[in-house]
């Protein structure tokens, strides 16, 4: 099997066995693409920690109502 993102292959045993923690589906990504994907997800989550005042007010409203 080949990597879904970059089409390199064949994938190794560890790469083939890797699953998404939420969906349980196989990722079928090579180690390089998996690393890049994880870094992008972390960056997106980290960026969402920096909200402006209007976003904080909206979030607070949603949490307490």
PDB file of N, CA and C in Angstrom:
ATOM      1  N   UNK A   1       0.842  -1.171   0.000  1.00  0.00           N
ATOM      2  CA  UNK A   1       0.000   0.000   0.000  1.00  0.00           C
ATOM      3  C   UNK A   1       0.889   1.236   0.000  1.00  0.00           C
ATOM      4  N   UNK A   2       0.379   2.322  -0.587  1.00  0.00           N
ATOM      5  CA  UNK A   2       1.118   3.569  -0.715  1.00  0.00           C
ATOM      6  C   UNK A   2       0.515   4.649   0.177  1.00  0.00           C
ATOM      7  N   UNK A   3       1.314   5.681   0.453  1.00  0.00           N
ATOM      8  CA  UNK A   3       0.872   6.804   1.270  1.00  0.00           C
ATOM      9  C   UNK A   3      -0.253   7.555   0.558  1.00  0.00           C
ATOM     10  N   UNK A   4      -1.305   7.862   1.289  1.00  0.00           N
ATOM     11  CA  UNK A   4      -2.443   8.590   0.716  1.00  0.00           C
ATOM     12  C   UNK A   4      -2.076  10.016   0.317  1.00  0.00           C
ATOM     13  N   UNK A   5      -1.100  10.609   0.997  1.00  0.00           N
ATOM     14  CA  UNK A   5      -0.768  12.012   0.753  1.00  0.00           C
ATOM     15  C   UNK A   5       0.272  12.197  -0.351  1.00  0.00           C
ATOM     16  N   UNK A   6       1.366  11.453  -0.283  1.00  0.00           N
ATOM     17  CA  UNK A   6       2.457  11.686  -1.236  1.00  0.00           C
ATOM     18  C   UNK A   6       2.666  10.541  -2.221  1.00  0.00           C
ATOM     19  N   UNK A   7       1.927   9.458  -2.050  1.00  0.00           N
ATOM     20  CA  UNK A   7       1.969   8.295  -2.936  1.00  0.00           C
ATOM     21  C   UNK A   7       3.295   7.535  -2.882  1.00  0.00           C
ATOM     22  N   UNK A   8       4.096   7.758  -1.831  1.00  0.00           N
ATOM     23  CA  UNK A   8       5.321   6.973  -1.698  1.00  0.00           C
ATOM     24  C   UNK A   8       4.961   5.605  -1.142  1.00  0.00           C
ATOM     25  N   UNK A   9       5.798   4.683  -1.332  1.00  0.00           N
ATOM     26  CA  UNK A   9       5.490   3.363  -0.826  1.00  0.00           C
ATOM     27  C   UNK A   9       6.573   2.384  -1.195  1.00  0.00           C
ATOM     28  N   UNK A  10       6.426   1.193  -0.773  1.00  0.00           N
ATOM     29  CA  UNK A  10       5.324   0.701   0.057  1.00  0.00           C
ATOM     30  C   UNK A  10       5.484   1.142   1.512  1.00  0.00           C
ATOM     31  N   UNK A  11       4.374   1.200   2.208  1.00  0.00           N
ATOM     32  CA  UNK A  11       4.381   1.594   3.614  1.00  0.00           C
ATOM     33  C   UNK A  11       4.883   0.430   4.466  1.00  0.00           C
ATOM     34  N   UNK A  12       5.556   0.764   5.560  1.00  0.00           N
ATOM     35  CA  UNK A  12       6.057  -0.243   6.490  1.00  0.00           C
ATOM     36  C   UNK A  12       4.951  -0.731   7.410  1.00  0.00           C
ATOM     37  N   UNK A  13       5.278  -1.705   8.227  1.00  0.00           N
ATOM     38  CA  UNK A  13       4.295  -2.310   9.136  1.00  0.00           C
ATOM     39  C   UNK A  13       3.703  -1.287  10.104  1.00  0.00           C
ATOM     40  N   UNK A  14       4.558  -0.448  10.675  1.00  0.00           N
ATOM     41  CA  UNK A  14       4.077   0.560  11.634  1.00  0.00           C
ATOM     42  C   UNK A  14       3.170   1.560  10.928  1.00  0.00           C
ATOM     43  N   UNK A  15       3.565   1.986   9.739  1.00  0.00           N
ATOM     44  CA  UNK A  15       2.760   2.950   8.983  1.00  0.00           C
ATOM     45  C   UNK A  15       1.400   2.357   8.606  1.00  0.00           C
ATOM     46  N   UNK A  16       1.372   1.095   8.282  1.00  0.00           N
ATOM     47  CA  UNK A  16       0.115   0.427   7.917  1.00  0.00           C
ATOM     48  C   UNK A  16      -0.797   0.207   9.116  1.00  0.00           C
ATOM     49  N   UNK A  17      -0.212   0.066  10.299  1.00  0.00           N
ATOM     50  CA  UNK A  17      -1.005  -0.229  11.494  1.00  0.00           C
ATOM     51  C   UNK A  17      -1.533   1.029  12.190  1.00  0.00           C
ATOM     52  N   UNK A  18      -1.047   2.202  11.805  1.00  0.00           N
ATOM     53  CA  UNK A  18      -1.408   3.454  12.473  1.00  0.00           C
ATOM     54  C   UNK A  18      -2.873   3.801  12.212  1.00  0.00           C
ATOM     55  N   UNK A  19      -3.601   4.101  13.306  1.00  0.00           N
ATOM     56  CA  UNK A  19      -5.019   4.433  13.202  1.00  0.00           C
ATOM     57  C   UNK A  19      -5.297   5.808  13.789  1.00  0.00           C
ATOM     58  N   UNK A  20      -6.365   6.418  13.313  1.00  0.00           N
ATOM     59  CA  UNK A  20      -6.841   7.673  13.874  1.00  0.00           C
ATOM     60  C   UNK A  20      -7.449   7.388  15.235  1.00  0.00           C
ATOM     61  N   UNK A  21      -7.111   8.197  16.227  1.00  0.00           N
ATOM     62  CA  UNK A  21      -7.591   7.946  17.591  1.00  0.00           C
ATOM     63  C   UNK A  21      -9.090   8.171  17.727  1.00  0.00           C
ATOM     64  N   UNK A  22      -9.640   9.087  16.954  1.00  0.00           N
ATOM     65  CA  UNK A  22     -11.063   9.396  17.071  1.00  0.00           C
ATOM     66  C   UNK A  22     -11.937   8.461  16.255  1.00  0.00           C
ATOM     67  N   UNK A  23     -11.578   8.244  14.997  1.00  0.00           N
ATOM     68  CA  UNK A  23     -12.442   7.452  14.120  1.00  0.00           C
ATOM     69  C   UNK A  23     -12.096   5.969  14.125  1.00  0.00           C
ATOM     70  N   UNK A  24     -10.855   5.637  14.474  1.00  0.00           N
ATOM     71  CA  UNK A  24     -10.434   4.243  14.438  1.00  0.00           C
ATOM     72  C   UNK A  24     -10.059   3.763  13.044  1.00  0.00           C
ATOM     73  N   UNK A  25     -10.090   4.662  12.059  1.00  0.00           N
ATOM     74  CA  UNK A  25      -9.740   4.294  10.688  1.00  0.00           C
ATOM     75  C   UNK A  25      -8.228   4.295  10.502  1.00  0.00           C
ATOM     76  N   UNK A  26      -7.761   3.447   9.601  1.00  0.00           N
ATOM     77  CA  UNK A  26      -6.342   3.415   9.276  1.00  0.00           C
ATOM     78  C   UNK A  26      -5.982   4.701   8.544  1.00  0.00           C
ATOM     79  N   UNK A  27      -4.815   5.272   8.879  1.00  0.00           N
ATOM     80  CA  UNK A  27      -4.398   6.533   8.284  1.00  0.00           C
ATOM     81  C   UNK A  27      -3.734   6.362   6.929  1.00  0.00           C
ATOM     82  N   UNK A  28      -2.971   5.294   6.765  1.00  0.00           N
ATOM     83  CA  UNK A  28      -2.252   5.031   5.517  1.00  0.00           C
ATOM     84  C   UNK A  28      -1.393   6.213   5.085  1.00  0.00           C
ATOM     85  N   UNK A  29      -0.613   6.744   6.032  1.00  0.00           N
ATOM     86  CA  UNK A  29       0.326   7.828   5.761  1.00  0.00           C
ATOM     87  C   UNK A  29       1.735   7.363   6.086  1.00  0.00           C
ATOM     88  N   UNK A  30       2.703   7.806   5.264  1.00  0.00           N
ATOM     89  CA  UNK A  30       4.098   7.510   5.591  1.00  0.00           C
ATOM     90  C   UNK A  30       4.481   8.340   6.818  1.00  0.00           C
ATOM     91  N   UNK A  31       5.605   8.026   7.420  1.00  0.00           N
ATOM     92  CA  UNK A  31       6.031   8.729   8.630  1.00  0.00           C
ATOM     93  C   UNK A  31       6.190  10.228   8.405  1.00  0.00           C
ATOM     94  N   UNK A  32       6.720  10.617   7.252  1.00  0.00           N
ATOM     95  CA  UNK A  32       6.914  12.038   6.954  1.00  0.00           C
ATOM     96  C   UNK A  32       5.579  12.760   6.878  1.00  0.00           C
ATOM     97  N   UNK A  33       4.636  12.233   6.133  1.00  0.00           N
ATOM     98  CA  UNK A  33       3.321  12.869   5.994  1.00  0.00           C
ATOM     99  C   UNK A  33       2.557  12.850   7.311  1.00  0.00           C
ATOM    100  N   UNK A  34       2.722  11.798   8.081  1.00  0.00           N
ATOM    101  CA  UNK A  34       2.079  11.720   9.395  1.00  0.00           C
ATOM    102  C   UNK A  34       2.613  12.823  10.306  1.00  0.00           C
ATOM    103  N   UNK A  35       3.921  13.042  10.294  1.00  0.00           N
ATOM    104  CA  UNK A  35       4.537  14.079  11.117  1.00  0.00           C
ATOM    105  C   UNK A  35       4.059  15.461  10.699  1.00  0.00           C
ATOM    106  N   UNK A  36       4.037  15.722   9.408  1.00  0.00           N
ATOM    107  CA  UNK A  36       3.578  17.017   8.911  1.00  0.00           C
ATOM    108  C   UNK A  36       2.113  17.234   9.284  1.00  0.00           C
ATOM    109  N   UNK A  37       1.305  16.210   9.150  1.00  0.00           N
ATOM    110  CA  UNK A  37      -0.115  16.296   9.490  1.00  0.00           C
ATOM    111  C   UNK A  37      -0.301  16.601  10.975  1.00  0.00           C
ATOM    112  N   UNK A  38       0.419  15.899  11.824  1.00  0.00           N
ATOM    113  CA  UNK A  38       0.323  16.138  13.265  1.00  0.00           C
ATOM    114  C   UNK A  38       0.755  17.552  13.630  1.00  0.00           C
ATOM    115  N   UNK A  39       1.821  18.031  13.011  1.00  0.00           N
ATOM    116  CA  UNK A  39       2.284  19.389  13.296  1.00  0.00           C
ATOM    117  C   UNK A  39       1.234  20.421  12.874  1.00  0.00           C
ATOM    118  N   UNK A  40       0.569  20.187  11.758  1.00  0.00           N
ATOM    119  CA  UNK A  40      -0.475  21.106  11.300  1.00  0.00           C
ATOM    120  C   UNK A  40      -1.656  21.112  12.264  1.00  0.00           C
ATOM    121  N   UNK A  41      -2.030  19.944  12.746  1.00  0.00           N
ATOM    122  CA  UNK A  41      -3.145  19.849  13.700  1.00  0.00           C
ATOM    123  C   UNK A  41      -2.785  20.564  14.996  1.00  0.00           C
ATOM    124  N   UNK A  42      -1.581  20.352  15.494  1.00  0.00           N
ATOM    125  CA  UNK A  42      -1.146  21.004  16.729  1.00  0.00           C
ATOM    126  C   UNK A  42      -1.092  22.515  16.545  1.00  0.00           C
ATOM    127  N   UNK A  43      -0.581  22.967  15.411  1.00  0.00           N
ATOM    128  CA  UNK A  43      -0.513  24.403  15.143  1.00  0.00           C
ATOM    129  C   UNK A  43      -1.910  25.006  15.101  1.00  0.00           C
ATOM    130  N   UNK A  44      -2.848  24.300  14.492  1.00  0.00           N
ATOM    131  CA  UNK A  44      -4.223  24.786  14.414  1.00  0.00           C
ATOM    132  C   UNK A  44      -4.841  24.868  15.807  1.00  0.00           C
ATOM    133  N   UNK A  45      -4.627  23.871  16.624  1.00  0.00           N
ATOM    134  CA  UNK A  45      -5.164  23.873  17.978  1.00  0.00           C
ATOM    135  C   UNK A  45      -4.498  24.959  18.817  1.00  0.00           C
ATOM    136  N   UNK A  46      -3.209  25.145  18.646  1.00  0.00           N
ATOM    137  CA  UNK A  46      -2.468  26.148  19.393  1.00  0.00           C
ATOM    138  C   UNK A  46      -2.936  27.544  18.996  1.00  0.00           C
ATOM    139  N   UNK A  47      -3.154  27.745  17.699  1.00  0.00           N
ATOM    140  CA  UNK A  47      -3.614  29.038  17.195  1.00  0.00           C
ATOM    141  C   UNK A  47      -4.991  29.385  17.747  1.00  0.00           C
ATOM    142  N   UNK A  48      -5.826  28.380  17.947  1.00  0.00           N
ATOM    143  CA  UNK A  48      -7.172  28.636  18.443  1.00  0.00           C
ATOM    144  C   UNK A  48      -7.165  29.076  19.909  1.00  0.00           C
ATOM    145  N   UNK A  49      -6.028  28.920  20.582  1.00  0.00           N
ATOM    146  CA  UNK A  49      -5.924  29.390  21.960  1.00  0.00           C
ATOM    147  C   UNK A  49      -5.866  30.908  22.035  1.00  0.00           C
ATOM    148  N   UNK A  50      -5.501  31.538  20.938  1.00  0.00           N
ATOM    149  CA  UNK A  50      -5.381  32.991  20.891  1.00  0.00           C
ATOM    150  C   UNK A  50      -6.633  33.579  20.257  1.00  0.00           C
ATOM    151  N   UNK A  51      -7.585  33.921  21.089  1.00  0.00           N
ATOM    152  CA  UNK A  51      -8.851  34.476  20.631  1.00  0.00           C
ATOM    153  C   UNK A  51      -8.908  35.950  21.005  1.00  0.00           C
ATOM    154  N   UNK A  52      -9.543  36.741  20.152  1.00  0.00           N
ATOM    155  CA  UNK A  52      -9.705  38.149  20.515  1.00  0.00           C
ATOM    156  C   UNK A  52     -10.881  38.293  21.485  1.00  0.00           C
ATOM    157  N   UNK A  53     -11.102  39.506  21.993  1.00  0.00           N
ATOM    158  CA  UNK A  53     -12.113  39.739  23.030  1.00  0.00           C
ATOM    159  C   UNK A  53     -13.516  39.356  22.583  1.00  0.00           C
ATOM    160  N   UNK A  54     -13.873  39.664  21.335  1.00  0.00           N
ATOM    161  CA  UNK A  54     -15.222  39.328  20.870  1.00  0.00           C
ATOM    162  C   UNK A  54     -15.420  37.819  20.792  1.00  0.00           C
ATOM    163  N   UNK A  55     -14.373  37.083  20.399  1.00  0.00           N
ATOM    164  CA  UNK A  55     -14.465  35.628  20.347  1.00  0.00           C
ATOM    165  C   UNK A  55     -14.568  35.051  21.757  1.00  0.00           C
ATOM    166  N   UNK A  56     -13.843  35.626  22.701  1.00  0.00           N
ATOM    167  CA  UNK A  56     -13.923  35.167  24.083  1.00  0.00           C
ATOM    168  C   UNK A  56     -15.314  35.408  24.664  1.00  0.00           C
ATOM    169  N   UNK A  57     -15.879  36.595  24.386  1.00  0.00           N
ATOM    170  CA  UNK A  57     -17.229  36.891  24.860  1.00  0.00           C
ATOM    171  C   UNK A  57     -18.236  35.908  24.284  1.00  0.00           C
ATOM    172  N   UNK A  58     -18.099  35.602  22.997  1.00  0.00           N
ATOM    173  CA  UNK A  58     -19.006  34.663  22.344  1.00  0.00           C
ATOM    174  C   UNK A  58     -18.849  33.267  22.928  1.00  0.00           C
ATOM    175  N   UNK A  59     -17.629  32.844  23.152  1.00  0.00           N
ATOM    176  CA  UNK A  59     -17.371  31.528  23.741  1.00  0.00           C
ATOM    177  C   UNK A  59     -17.926  31.450  25.151  1.00  0.00           C
ATOM    178  N   UNK A  60     -17.718  32.493  25.930  1.00  0.00           N
ATOM    179  CA  UNK A  60     -18.235  32.528  27.300  1.00  0.00           C
ATOM    180  C   UNK A  60     -19.752  32.440  27.298  1.00  0.00           C
ATOM    181  N   UNK A  61     -20.391  33.140  26.369  1.00  0.00           N
ATOM    182  CA  UNK A  61     -21.859  33.094  26.264  1.00  0.00           C
ATOM    183  C   UNK A  61     -22.331  31.675  25.961  1.00  0.00           C
ATOM    184  N   UNK A  62     -21.646  31.015  25.027  1.00  0.00           N
ATOM    185  CA  UNK A  62     -22.033  29.657  24.634  1.00  0.00           C
ATOM    186  C   UNK A  62     -21.820  28.676  25.785  1.00  0.00           C
ATOM    187  N   UNK A  63     -20.762  28.890  26.568  1.00  0.00           N
ATOM    188  CA  UNK A  63     -20.461  27.963  27.656  1.00  0.00           C
ATOM    189  C   UNK A  63     -21.450  28.079  28.818  1.00  0.00           C
ATOM    190  N   UNK A  64     -21.912  29.284  29.076  1.00  0.00           N
ATOM    191  CA  UNK A  64     -22.725  29.504  30.262  1.00  0.00           C
ATOM    192  C   UNK A  64     -24.222  29.609  29.967  1.00  0.00           C
ATOM    193  N   UNK A  65     -24.628  29.472  28.738  1.00  0.00           N
ATOM    194  CA  UNK A  65     -26.053  29.527  28.392  1.00  0.00           C
ATOM    195  C   UNK A  65     -26.518  28.224  27.784  1.00  0.00           C
TER     196      UNK A  65
END
